[in-house]
Amino acid sequence: MSNQNITDALGYLMFQICRAHRNRAQELLSELGLYTGQEILLMHLWEKDGRSQSELADLMCVQPATLTKSIDRMSTAGLIERRPDPNDGRVSRVYLRQAGRDIQALVEGVWQQVEAESFAHLTVEERILLRRLLMQVKQNISPD
């Protein structure tokens, strides 16, 4: 890498792709009143409602303080709510409200649109290869 310009590195290209993907997703999510990242929190609750805040923070790879801000904002918007764990008062659980359930199809539509736009000119075989390569890169830097 010493002879290579940082902007020529694959990692920099991945950074640019991630930023462009995030910006496009935010553009579409903002039409639903969501910020980027909030749809990921909702996704985890759609999979299993009533997760603890610490479980959500781990799943999303974010600091608990960051998650608390998102939960506060989404609670105010009427998408989710916090409730104390019935068995452990130290634990706070997060539950979907009806508005959080109702928005699922719209959020999934946003992700499908961004996915379609991002990979529009790749064949099925190229997408499979890209997925395999990206999974290997992910495994190299984050084995968990």
N, C-alpha and C. Protein backbone atom coordinates (compact mmCIF):
# COMPACT_ATOMS: atom_id res chain seq x y z
N MET A 1 0.82 -1.19 0.00
CA MET A 1 0.00 0.00 0.00
C MET A 1 0.86 1.25 0.00
N SER A 2 2.11 1.15 0.40
CA SER A 2 2.96 2.34 0.51
C SER A 2 3.13 3.04 -0.84
N ASN A 3 3.12 2.31 -1.94
CA ASN A 3 3.24 2.92 -3.26
C ASN A 3 1.89 3.25 -3.87
N GLN A 4 0.84 2.94 -3.15
CA GLN A 4 -0.51 3.13 -3.68
C GLN A 4 -1.18 4.33 -3.01
N ASN A 5 -1.80 5.13 -3.80
CA ASN A 5 -2.57 6.25 -3.28
C ASN A 5 -3.78 5.69 -2.52
N ILE A 6 -4.11 6.27 -1.39
CA ILE A 6 -5.25 5.78 -0.60
C ILE A 6 -6.52 5.76 -1.43
N THR A 7 -6.70 6.77 -2.26
CA THR A 7 -7.93 6.83 -3.06
C THR A 7 -8.00 5.75 -4.13
N ASP A 8 -6.89 5.05 -4.36
CA ASP A 8 -6.87 3.93 -5.30
C ASP A 8 -7.11 2.59 -4.60
N ALA A 9 -7.16 2.60 -3.28
CA ALA A 9 -7.30 1.36 -2.51
C ALA A 9 -8.72 0.80 -2.62
N LEU A 10 -8.83 -0.51 -2.56
CA LEU A 10 -10.15 -1.15 -2.57
C LEU A 10 -10.99 -0.72 -1.38
N GLY A 11 -10.34 -0.54 -0.24
CA GLY A 11 -11.06 -0.10 0.95
C GLY A 11 -11.71 1.26 0.76
N TYR A 12 -11.01 2.14 0.05
CA TYR A 12 -11.57 3.46 -0.21
C TYR A 12 -12.77 3.35 -1.16
N LEU A 13 -12.67 2.47 -2.13
CA LEU A 13 -13.80 2.23 -3.04
C LEU A 13 -15.00 1.70 -2.26
N MET A 14 -14.75 0.77 -1.34
CA MET A 14 -15.84 0.24 -0.51
C MET A 14 -16.46 1.36 0.33
N PHE A 15 -15.62 2.24 0.87
CA PHE A 15 -16.11 3.38 1.64
C PHE A 15 -17.03 4.24 0.78
N GLN A 16 -16.61 4.54 -0.44
CA GLN A 16 -17.42 5.36 -1.33
C GLN A 16 -18.75 4.68 -1.67
N ILE A 17 -18.70 3.38 -1.91
CA ILE A 17 -19.91 2.63 -2.22
C ILE A 17 -20.86 2.65 -1.03
N CYS A 18 -20.32 2.41 0.16
CA CYS A 18 -21.15 2.41 1.38
C CYS A 18 -21.79 3.78 1.59
N ARG A 19 -21.02 4.82 1.37
CA ARG A 19 -21.56 6.18 1.54
C ARG A 19 -22.67 6.45 0.53
N ALA A 20 -22.45 6.09 -0.73
CA ALA A 20 -23.46 6.31 -1.77
C ALA A 20 -24.73 5.50 -1.47
N HIS A 21 -24.54 4.26 -1.03
CA HIS A 21 -25.67 3.40 -0.68
C HIS A 21 -26.45 4.01 0.48
N ARG A 22 -25.74 4.45 1.49
CA ARG A 22 -26.38 5.06 2.66
C ARG A 22 -27.12 6.34 2.27
N ASN A 23 -26.50 7.17 1.44
CA ASN A 23 -27.14 8.41 1.01
C ASN A 23 -28.42 8.15 0.22
N ARG A 24 -28.38 7.16 -0.67
CA ARG A 24 -29.57 6.83 -1.46
C ARG A 24 -30.66 6.26 -0.55
N ALA A 25 -30.28 5.39 0.37
CA ALA A 25 -31.26 4.84 1.31
C ALA A 25 -31.86 5.96 2.15
N GLN A 26 -31.03 6.89 2.62
CA GLN A 26 -31.55 7.99 3.43
C GLN A 26 -32.52 8.86 2.64
N GLU A 27 -32.20 9.08 1.38
CA GLU A 27 -33.09 9.87 0.53
C GLU A 27 -34.49 9.25 0.49
N LEU A 28 -34.54 7.93 0.34
CA LEU A 28 -35.83 7.24 0.27
C LEU A 28 -36.47 7.06 1.64
N LEU A 29 -35.66 6.76 2.65
CA LEU A 29 -36.21 6.57 4.00
C LEU A 29 -36.78 7.86 4.57
N SER A 30 -36.18 8.99 4.20
CA SER A 30 -36.67 10.27 4.72
C SER A 30 -38.11 10.52 4.28
N GLU A 31 -38.49 9.97 3.14
CA GLU A 31 -39.88 10.08 2.68
C GLU A 31 -40.84 9.34 3.61
N LEU A 32 -40.30 8.39 4.38
CA LEU A 32 -41.10 7.64 5.35
C LEU A 32 -40.96 8.21 6.75
N GLY A 33 -40.17 9.28 6.88
CA GLY A 33 -39.94 9.87 8.20
C GLY A 33 -38.89 9.15 9.02
N LEU A 34 -38.04 8.37 8.36
CA LEU A 34 -37.00 7.60 9.05
C LEU A 34 -35.62 8.14 8.72
N TYR A 35 -34.70 7.92 9.64
CA TYR A 35 -33.28 8.19 9.42
C TYR A 35 -32.58 6.87 9.14
N THR A 36 -31.50 6.92 8.38
CA THR A 36 -30.73 5.71 8.11
C THR A 36 -30.32 5.07 9.43
N GLY A 37 -30.47 3.78 9.52
CA GLY A 37 -30.16 3.03 10.74
C GLY A 37 -31.41 2.66 11.50
N GLN A 38 -32.42 3.53 11.45
CA GLN A 38 -33.66 3.21 12.15
C GLN A 38 -34.36 2.02 11.51
N GLU A 39 -34.22 1.88 10.20
CA GLU A 39 -34.85 0.74 9.54
C GLU A 39 -34.19 -0.57 9.98
N ILE A 40 -32.91 -0.51 10.33
CA ILE A 40 -32.21 -1.71 10.80
C ILE A 40 -32.75 -2.11 12.17
N LEU A 41 -32.97 -1.13 13.03
CA LEU A 41 -33.57 -1.40 14.34
C LEU A 41 -34.95 -2.03 14.16
N LEU A 42 -35.76 -1.45 13.27
CA LEU A 42 -37.09 -2.02 13.00
C LEU A 42 -36.98 -3.44 12.47
N MET A 43 -36.02 -3.68 11.57
CA MET A 43 -35.84 -5.01 11.00
C MET A 43 -35.61 -6.05 12.09
N HIS A 44 -34.76 -5.70 13.07
CA HIS A 44 -34.49 -6.64 14.16
C HIS A 44 -35.73 -6.88 15.01
N LEU A 45 -36.56 -5.87 15.15
CA LEU A 45 -37.81 -6.04 15.91
C LEU A 45 -38.85 -6.81 15.09
N TRP A 46 -38.85 -6.65 13.78
CA TRP A 46 -39.76 -7.44 12.95
C TRP A 46 -39.41 -8.91 13.05
N GLU A 47 -38.11 -9.20 13.17
CA GLU A 47 -37.67 -10.60 13.32
C GLU A 47 -38.05 -11.15 14.69
N LYS A 48 -37.90 -10.31 15.72
CA LYS A 48 -38.20 -10.74 17.10
C LYS A 48 -38.52 -9.50 17.92
N ASP A 49 -39.78 -9.30 18.18
CA ASP A 49 -40.22 -8.15 18.96
C ASP A 49 -39.84 -8.33 20.42
N GLY A 50 -39.62 -7.22 21.11
CA GLY A 50 -39.33 -7.28 22.54
C GLY A 50 -37.88 -7.56 22.88
N ARG A 51 -36.99 -7.23 21.99
CA ARG A 51 -35.56 -7.42 22.28
C ARG A 51 -35.11 -6.40 23.33
N SER A 52 -34.09 -6.76 24.08
CA SER A 52 -33.53 -5.81 25.05
C SER A 52 -32.71 -4.77 24.29
N GLN A 53 -32.52 -3.61 24.94
CA GLN A 53 -31.72 -2.57 24.31
C GLN A 53 -30.29 -3.03 24.09
N SER A 54 -29.74 -3.78 25.03
CA SER A 54 -28.35 -4.24 24.86
C SER A 54 -28.26 -5.26 23.72
N GLU A 55 -29.26 -6.10 23.57
CA GLU A 55 -29.28 -7.06 22.46
C GLU A 55 -29.33 -6.31 21.12
N LEU A 56 -30.17 -5.29 21.05
CA LEU A 56 -30.27 -4.49 19.83
C LEU A 56 -28.95 -3.79 19.52
N ALA A 57 -28.31 -3.22 20.54
CA ALA A 57 -27.03 -2.54 20.34
C ALA A 57 -25.99 -3.52 19.79
N ASP A 58 -25.95 -4.73 20.33
CA ASP A 58 -25.02 -5.75 19.84
C ASP A 58 -25.32 -6.12 18.39
N LEU A 59 -26.59 -6.37 18.09
CA LEU A 59 -26.98 -6.76 16.73
C LEU A 59 -26.65 -5.68 15.71
N MET A 60 -26.79 -4.42 16.13
CA MET A 60 -26.58 -3.30 15.22
C MET A 60 -25.14 -2.79 15.23
N CYS A 61 -24.31 -3.34 16.11
CA CYS A 61 -22.90 -2.92 16.23
C CYS A 61 -22.80 -1.42 16.50
N VAL A 62 -23.61 -0.95 17.45
CA VAL A 62 -23.57 0.47 17.84
C VAL A 62 -23.42 0.57 19.35
N GLN A 63 -23.01 1.73 19.79
CA GLN A 63 -22.90 1.99 21.22
C GLN A 63 -24.31 2.16 21.81
N PRO A 64 -24.51 1.71 23.04
CA PRO A 64 -25.83 1.85 23.67
C PRO A 64 -26.35 3.29 23.66
N ALA A 65 -25.47 4.28 23.84
CA ALA A 65 -25.91 5.68 23.85
C ALA A 65 -26.47 6.09 22.49
N THR A 66 -25.85 5.60 21.42
CA THR A 66 -26.34 5.88 20.07
C THR A 66 -27.72 5.27 19.88
N LEU A 67 -27.87 4.05 20.35
CA LEU A 67 -29.15 3.36 20.23
C LEU A 67 -30.23 4.06 21.04
N THR A 68 -29.88 4.54 22.22
CA THR A 68 -30.85 5.23 23.08
C THR A 68 -31.44 6.44 22.35
N LYS A 69 -30.61 7.19 21.65
CA LYS A 69 -31.10 8.35 20.89
C LYS A 69 -32.09 7.92 19.82
N SER A 70 -31.76 6.85 19.10
CA SER A 70 -32.65 6.35 18.05
C SER A 70 -33.97 5.88 18.65
N ILE A 71 -33.88 5.15 19.74
CA ILE A 71 -35.10 4.64 20.38
C ILE A 71 -35.97 5.80 20.85
N ASP A 72 -35.34 6.82 21.45
CA ASP A 72 -36.10 8.00 21.89
C ASP A 72 -36.83 8.65 20.71
N ARG A 73 -36.10 8.84 19.63
CA ARG A 73 -36.67 9.49 18.45
C ARG A 73 -37.81 8.65 17.86
N MET A 74 -37.60 7.34 17.79
CA MET A 74 -38.61 6.46 17.21
C MET A 74 -39.81 6.29 18.14
N SER A 75 -39.59 6.38 19.43
CA SER A 75 -40.70 6.34 20.40
C SER A 75 -41.57 7.58 20.23
N THR A 76 -40.93 8.72 20.10
CA THR A 76 -41.66 9.97 19.89
C THR A 76 -42.48 9.92 18.60
N ALA A 77 -41.94 9.24 17.59
CA ALA A 77 -42.64 9.11 16.30
C ALA A 77 -43.75 8.06 16.36
N GLY A 78 -43.84 7.33 17.47
CA GLY A 78 -44.91 6.34 17.62
C GLY A 78 -44.64 5.00 16.96
N LEU A 79 -43.37 4.73 16.61
CA LEU A 79 -43.03 3.47 15.94
C LEU A 79 -42.75 2.33 16.91
N ILE A 80 -42.14 2.66 18.04
CA ILE A 80 -41.74 1.66 19.02
C ILE A 80 -42.00 2.19 20.42
N GLU A 81 -41.87 1.30 21.40
CA GLU A 81 -41.97 1.73 22.79
C GLU A 81 -41.06 0.87 23.65
N ARG A 82 -40.61 1.47 24.74
CA ARG A 82 -39.79 0.76 25.74
C ARG A 82 -40.72 0.28 26.84
N ARG A 83 -40.39 -0.93 27.33
CA ARG A 83 -41.09 -1.45 28.50
C ARG A 83 -40.07 -2.15 29.38
N PRO A 84 -40.24 -2.08 30.69
CA PRO A 84 -39.32 -2.82 31.56
C PRO A 84 -39.52 -4.32 31.38
N ASP A 85 -38.43 -5.06 31.49
CA ASP A 85 -38.50 -6.52 31.44
C ASP A 85 -39.28 -6.99 32.67
N PRO A 86 -40.26 -7.86 32.49
CA PRO A 86 -41.06 -8.30 33.64
C PRO A 86 -40.28 -9.12 34.66
N ASN A 87 -39.15 -9.70 34.24
CA ASN A 87 -38.35 -10.54 35.14
C ASN A 87 -37.10 -9.86 35.68
N ASP A 88 -36.71 -8.75 35.05
CA ASP A 88 -35.48 -8.07 35.47
C ASP A 88 -35.67 -6.57 35.25
N GLY A 89 -35.92 -5.86 36.31
CA GLY A 89 -36.19 -4.43 36.24
C GLY A 89 -35.05 -3.60 35.70
N ARG A 90 -33.84 -4.16 35.67
CA ARG A 90 -32.69 -3.43 35.12
C ARG A 90 -32.68 -3.42 33.60
N VAL A 91 -33.47 -4.31 33.00
CA VAL A 91 -33.47 -4.49 31.55
C VAL A 91 -34.68 -3.78 30.95
N SER A 92 -34.40 -3.05 29.88
CA SER A 92 -35.45 -2.37 29.13
C SER A 92 -35.63 -3.11 27.81
N ARG A 93 -36.86 -3.42 27.47
CA ARG A 93 -37.15 -4.10 26.21
C ARG A 93 -37.84 -3.14 25.26
N VAL A 94 -37.64 -3.38 23.97
CA VAL A 94 -38.20 -2.50 22.94
C VAL A 94 -39.22 -3.30 22.13
N TYR A 95 -40.39 -2.70 21.99
CA TYR A 95 -41.50 -3.35 21.29
C TYR A 95 -42.01 -2.46 20.16
N LEU A 96 -42.47 -3.10 19.11
CA LEU A 96 -43.09 -2.38 18.01
C LEU A 96 -44.46 -1.87 18.42
N ARG A 97 -44.79 -0.69 17.96
CA ARG A 97 -46.17 -0.20 18.05
C ARG A 97 -46.79 -0.48 16.68
N GLN A 98 -48.06 -0.28 16.55
CA GLN A 98 -48.74 -0.60 15.28
C GLN A 98 -48.11 0.15 14.10
N ALA A 99 -47.75 1.41 14.31
CA ALA A 99 -47.13 2.18 13.22
C ALA A 99 -45.81 1.55 12.78
N GLY A 100 -45.08 0.96 13.71
CA GLY A 100 -43.83 0.27 13.39
C GLY A 100 -44.06 -1.00 12.59
N ARG A 101 -45.18 -1.65 12.84
CA ARG A 101 -45.53 -2.83 12.05
C ARG A 101 -46.02 -2.42 10.66
N ASP A 102 -46.82 -1.36 10.64
CA ASP A 102 -47.43 -0.93 9.38
C ASP A 102 -46.42 -0.45 8.35
N ILE A 103 -45.27 0.01 8.79
CA ILE A 103 -44.27 0.58 7.88
C ILE A 103 -43.35 -0.49 7.26
N GLN A 104 -43.48 -1.74 7.70
CA GLN A 104 -42.56 -2.79 7.26
C GLN A 104 -42.51 -2.93 5.74
N ALA A 105 -43.64 -3.04 5.09
CA ALA A 105 -43.64 -3.24 3.63
C ALA A 105 -43.00 -2.06 2.91
N LEU A 106 -43.22 -0.85 3.41
CA LEU A 106 -42.62 0.33 2.79
C LEU A 106 -41.10 0.34 2.94
N VAL A 107 -40.62 -0.02 4.12
CA VAL A 107 -39.17 -0.06 4.36
C VAL A 107 -38.54 -1.15 3.51
N GLU A 108 -39.17 -2.31 3.45
CA GLU A 108 -38.64 -3.38 2.61
C GLU A 108 -38.61 -2.95 1.15
N GLY A 109 -39.60 -2.17 0.73
CA GLY A 109 -39.62 -1.64 -0.64
C GLY A 109 -38.45 -0.71 -0.90
N VAL A 110 -38.11 0.12 0.08
CA VAL A 110 -36.94 1.01 -0.05
C VAL A 110 -35.69 0.18 -0.24
N TRP A 111 -35.50 -0.85 0.59
CA TRP A 111 -34.29 -1.67 0.47
C TRP A 111 -34.26 -2.40 -0.86
N GLN A 112 -35.40 -2.87 -1.32
CA GLN A 112 -35.44 -3.54 -2.63
C GLN A 112 -35.08 -2.57 -3.74
N GLN A 113 -35.55 -1.33 -3.64
CA GLN A 113 -35.25 -0.33 -4.66
C GLN A 113 -33.76 0.01 -4.67
N VAL A 114 -33.18 0.23 -3.49
CA VAL A 114 -31.75 0.55 -3.42
C VAL A 114 -30.93 -0.63 -3.93
N GLU A 115 -31.34 -1.84 -3.58
CA GLU A 115 -30.65 -3.05 -4.06
C GLU A 115 -30.71 -3.12 -5.58
N ALA A 116 -31.89 -2.91 -6.14
CA ALA A 116 -32.06 -2.98 -7.60
C ALA A 116 -31.22 -1.92 -8.30
N GLU A 117 -31.23 -0.70 -7.77
CA GLU A 117 -30.44 0.38 -8.37
C GLU A 117 -28.94 0.10 -8.27
N SER A 118 -28.52 -0.41 -7.13
CA SER A 118 -27.10 -0.63 -6.88
C SER A 118 -26.50 -1.69 -7.79
N PHE A 119 -27.27 -2.73 -8.08
CA PHE A 119 -26.71 -3.88 -8.79
C PHE A 119 -27.38 -4.11 -10.15
N ALA A 120 -27.95 -3.05 -10.70
CA ALA A 120 -28.74 -3.14 -11.92
C ALA A 120 -27.97 -3.72 -13.11
N HIS A 121 -26.70 -3.43 -13.22
CA HIS A 121 -25.94 -3.86 -14.40
C HIS A 121 -25.08 -5.09 -14.14
N LEU A 122 -25.37 -5.80 -13.06
CA LEU A 122 -24.65 -7.04 -12.77
C LEU A 122 -25.52 -8.24 -13.11
N THR A 123 -24.90 -9.25 -13.69
CA THR A 123 -25.64 -10.49 -13.96
C THR A 123 -25.85 -11.23 -12.65
N VAL A 124 -26.69 -12.24 -12.68
CA VAL A 124 -26.91 -13.07 -11.50
C VAL A 124 -25.60 -13.68 -11.04
N GLU A 125 -24.80 -14.17 -11.98
CA GLU A 125 -23.52 -14.78 -11.65
C GLU A 125 -22.58 -13.77 -11.00
N GLU A 126 -22.55 -12.56 -11.52
CA GLU A 126 -21.70 -11.51 -10.94
C GLU A 126 -22.15 -11.15 -9.52
N ARG A 127 -23.45 -11.13 -9.31
CA ARG A 127 -23.97 -10.85 -7.96
C ARG A 127 -23.57 -11.94 -6.98
N ILE A 128 -23.65 -13.17 -7.42
CA ILE A 128 -23.26 -14.30 -6.57
C ILE A 128 -21.77 -14.21 -6.23
N LEU A 129 -20.95 -13.93 -7.23
CA LEU A 129 -19.51 -13.79 -7.00
C LEU A 129 -19.22 -12.61 -6.08
N LEU A 130 -19.87 -11.48 -6.32
CA LEU A 130 -19.66 -10.30 -5.47
C LEU A 130 -20.03 -10.61 -4.03
N ARG A 131 -21.15 -11.27 -3.83
CA ARG A 131 -21.57 -11.64 -2.47
C ARG A 131 -20.51 -12.51 -1.80
N ARG A 132 -20.01 -13.51 -2.53
CA ARG A 132 -18.99 -14.41 -1.98
C ARG A 132 -17.73 -13.63 -1.60
N LEU A 133 -17.29 -12.75 -2.47
CA LEU A 133 -16.09 -11.96 -2.20
C LEU A 133 -16.29 -11.01 -1.02
N LEU A 134 -17.43 -10.35 -0.97
CA LEU A 134 -17.70 -9.44 0.15
C LEU A 134 -17.82 -10.19 1.47
N MET A 135 -18.41 -11.37 1.44
CA MET A 135 -18.50 -12.18 2.67
C MET A 135 -17.10 -12.56 3.15
N GLN A 136 -16.20 -12.85 2.22
CA GLN A 136 -14.83 -13.18 2.60
C GLN A 136 -14.13 -11.97 3.21
N VAL A 137 -14.31 -10.79 2.62
CA VAL A 137 -13.72 -9.57 3.17
C VAL A 137 -14.27 -9.33 4.57
N LYS A 138 -15.58 -9.48 4.73
CA LYS A 138 -16.20 -9.30 6.05
C LYS A 138 -15.60 -10.28 7.05
N GLN A 139 -15.46 -11.53 6.66
CA GLN A 139 -14.88 -12.54 7.55
C GLN A 139 -13.44 -12.19 7.92
N ASN A 140 -12.69 -11.65 6.99
CA ASN A 140 -11.30 -11.28 7.26
C ASN A 140 -11.18 -10.22 8.35
N ILE A 141 -12.10 -9.25 8.37
CA ILE A 141 -11.96 -8.14 9.30
C ILE A 141 -12.93 -8.20 10.48
N SER A 142 -13.91 -9.09 10.41
CA SER A 142 -14.89 -9.21 11.49
C SER A 142 -15.36 -10.65 11.57
N PRO A 143 -14.56 -11.52 12.18
CA PRO A 143 -14.86 -12.95 12.15
C PRO A 143 -16.11 -13.38 12.92
N ASP A 144 -16.71 -12.49 13.71
CA ASP A 144 -17.90 -12.91 14.48
C ASP A 144 -19.14 -12.88 13.70
